[in-house]
C-alpha atoms as a PDB file:
ATOM      1  CA  MET A   1     -22.551 -53.592 -22.760  1.00  0.00           C
ATOM      2  CA  ASN A   2     -19.916 -54.944 -25.110  1.00  0.00           C
ATOM      3  CA  ARG A   3     -19.591 -54.219 -28.799  1.00  0.00           C
ATOM      4  CA  LEU A   4     -21.015 -57.547 -30.003  1.00  0.00           C
ATOM      5  CA  ALA A   5     -24.109 -57.118 -27.835  1.00  0.00           C
ATOM      6  CA  LEU A   6     -24.678 -53.669 -29.342  1.00  0.00           C
ATOM      7  CA  VAL A   7     -24.338 -55.095 -32.853  1.00  0.00           C
ATOM      8  CA  LYS A   8     -26.866 -57.852 -32.068  1.00  0.00           C
ATOM      9  CA  LEU A   9     -29.275 -55.353 -30.536  1.00  0.00           C
ATOM     10  CA  GLY A  10     -28.900 -52.963 -33.466  1.00  0.00           C
ATOM     11  CA  LEU A  11     -29.420 -55.703 -36.056  1.00  0.00           C
ATOM     12  CA  GLY A  12     -32.466 -56.929 -34.185  1.00  0.00           C
ATOM     13  CA  ALA A  13     -33.981 -53.455 -34.065  1.00  0.00           C
ATOM     14  CA  ILE A  14     -33.245 -52.818 -37.752  1.00  0.00           C
ATOM     15  CA  GLY A  15     -34.737 -56.195 -38.659  1.00  0.00           C
ATOM     16  CA  VAL A  16     -37.954 -55.475 -36.763  1.00  0.00           C
ATOM     17  CA  VAL A  17     -38.302 -52.036 -38.351  1.00  0.00           C
ATOM     18  CA  VAL A  18     -37.673 -53.347 -41.881  1.00  0.00           C
ATOM     19  CA  TRP A  19     -39.996 -56.316 -41.349  1.00  0.00           C
ATOM     20  CA  GLY A  20     -42.687 -54.018 -39.933  1.00  0.00           C
ATOM     21  CA  TYR A  21     -42.387 -51.656 -42.869  1.00  0.00           C
ATOM     22  CA  GLY A  22     -42.693 -54.585 -45.266  1.00  0.00           C
ATOM     23  CA  ALA A  23     -45.783 -55.840 -43.451  1.00  0.00           C
ATOM     24  CA  ARG A  24     -47.322 -52.368 -43.456  1.00  0.00           C
ATOM     25  CA  THR A  25     -46.712 -51.819 -47.182  1.00  0.00           C
ATOM     26  CA  ASP A  26     -47.489 -55.476 -48.022  1.00  0.00           C
ATOM     27  CA  ASP A  27     -44.138 -55.889 -49.799  1.00  0.00           C
ATOM     28  CA  PRO A  28     -42.899 -59.476 -49.481  1.00  0.00           C
ATOM     29  CA  ARG A  29     -39.317 -58.607 -50.510  1.00  0.00           C
ATOM     30  CA  VAL A  30     -38.982 -56.036 -47.728  1.00  0.00           C
ATOM     31  CA  ARG A  31     -40.499 -58.462 -45.216  1.00  0.00           C
ATOM     32  CA  LEU A  32     -38.012 -61.120 -46.312  1.00  0.00           C
ATOM     33  CA  ALA A  33     -35.123 -58.659 -45.945  1.00  0.00           C
ATOM     34  CA  GLY A  34     -36.266 -57.878 -42.396  1.00  0.00           C
ATOM     35  CA  MET A  35     -36.471 -61.570 -41.564  1.00  0.00           C
ATOM     36  CA  ILE A  36     -32.972 -62.145 -42.933  1.00  0.00           C
ATOM     37  CA  VAL A  37     -31.574 -59.332 -40.774  1.00  0.00           C
ATOM     38  CA  LEU A  38     -33.327 -60.802 -37.732  1.00  0.00           C
ATOM     39  CA  GLY A  39     -31.907 -64.205 -38.634  1.00  0.00           C
ATOM     40  CA  ILE A  40     -28.395 -62.752 -38.691  1.00  0.00           C
ATOM     41  CA  ALA A  41     -28.941 -61.255 -35.231  1.00  0.00           C
ATOM     42  CA  VAL A  42     -30.088 -64.655 -33.927  1.00  0.00           C
ATOM     43  CA  ALA A  43     -27.153 -66.409 -35.609  1.00  0.00           C
ATOM     44  CA  LEU A  44     -24.764 -64.038 -33.840  1.00  0.00           C
ATOM     45  CA  ARG A  45     -26.419 -65.012 -30.567  1.00  0.00           C
ATOM     46  CA  LEU A  46     -25.756 -68.684 -31.260  1.00  0.00           C
ATOM     47  CA  LEU A  47     -22.027 -68.305 -31.937  1.00  0.00           C
ATOM     48  CA  PRO A  48     -19.778 -70.400 -29.683  1.00  0.00           C
ATOM     49  CA  ARG A  49     -18.110 -68.530 -26.835  1.00  0.00           C
ATOM     50  CA  ALA A  50     -14.631 -68.919 -28.361  1.00  0.00           C
ATOM     51  CA  VAL A  51     -15.732 -67.179 -31.563  1.00  0.00           C
ATOM     52  CA  ARG A  52     -17.505 -64.410 -29.629  1.00  0.00           C
ATOM     53  CA  ASP A  53     -14.385 -63.849 -27.517  1.00  0.00           C
ATOM     54  CA  ARG A  54     -12.236 -63.623 -30.644  1.00  0.00           C
ATOM     55  CA  LEU A  55     -14.632 -61.085 -32.203  1.00  0.00           C
ATOM     56  CA  GLU A  56     -14.448 -59.014 -29.029  1.00  0.00           C
ATOM     57  CA  GLY A  57     -10.655 -59.166 -28.966  1.00  0.00           C
ATOM     58  CA  ARG A  58     -10.494 -61.270 -25.811  1.00  0.00           C
ATOM     59  CA  HIS A  59      -8.172 -64.212 -25.956  1.00  0.00           C
ATOM     60  CA  ARG A  60      -8.254 -67.050 -23.490  1.00  0.00           C
ATOM     61  CA  ALA A  61      -5.039 -68.453 -22.135  1.00  0.00           C
ATOM     62  CA  PRO A  62      -4.317 -71.877 -23.562  1.00  0.00           C
ATOM     63  CA  ALA A  63      -5.164 -74.771 -21.306  1.00  0.00           C
ATOM     64  CA  ASP A  64      -2.255 -76.195 -19.376  1.00  0.00           C
ATOM     65  CA  THR A  65      -1.652 -79.637 -20.831  1.00  0.00           C
ATOM     66  CA  GLN A  66       0.534 -82.143 -19.102  1.00  0.00           C
ATOM     67  CA  SER A  67       1.884 -85.103 -21.040  1.00  0.00           C
END
């Protein structure tokens, strides 16, 4: 499992725990914070492949262009 996948998984787990705590204590600010963290985890999932590769330190070879 690569580093970005671990970050997404960790953020998702933290978001669920914070959201659950907010729901349990009926605190709307804590629930909102949990939803924001979950939203960040989803946003990381939706990043284009080129950006994910750059975050992981993998660089693609430039395409061979012929003029």
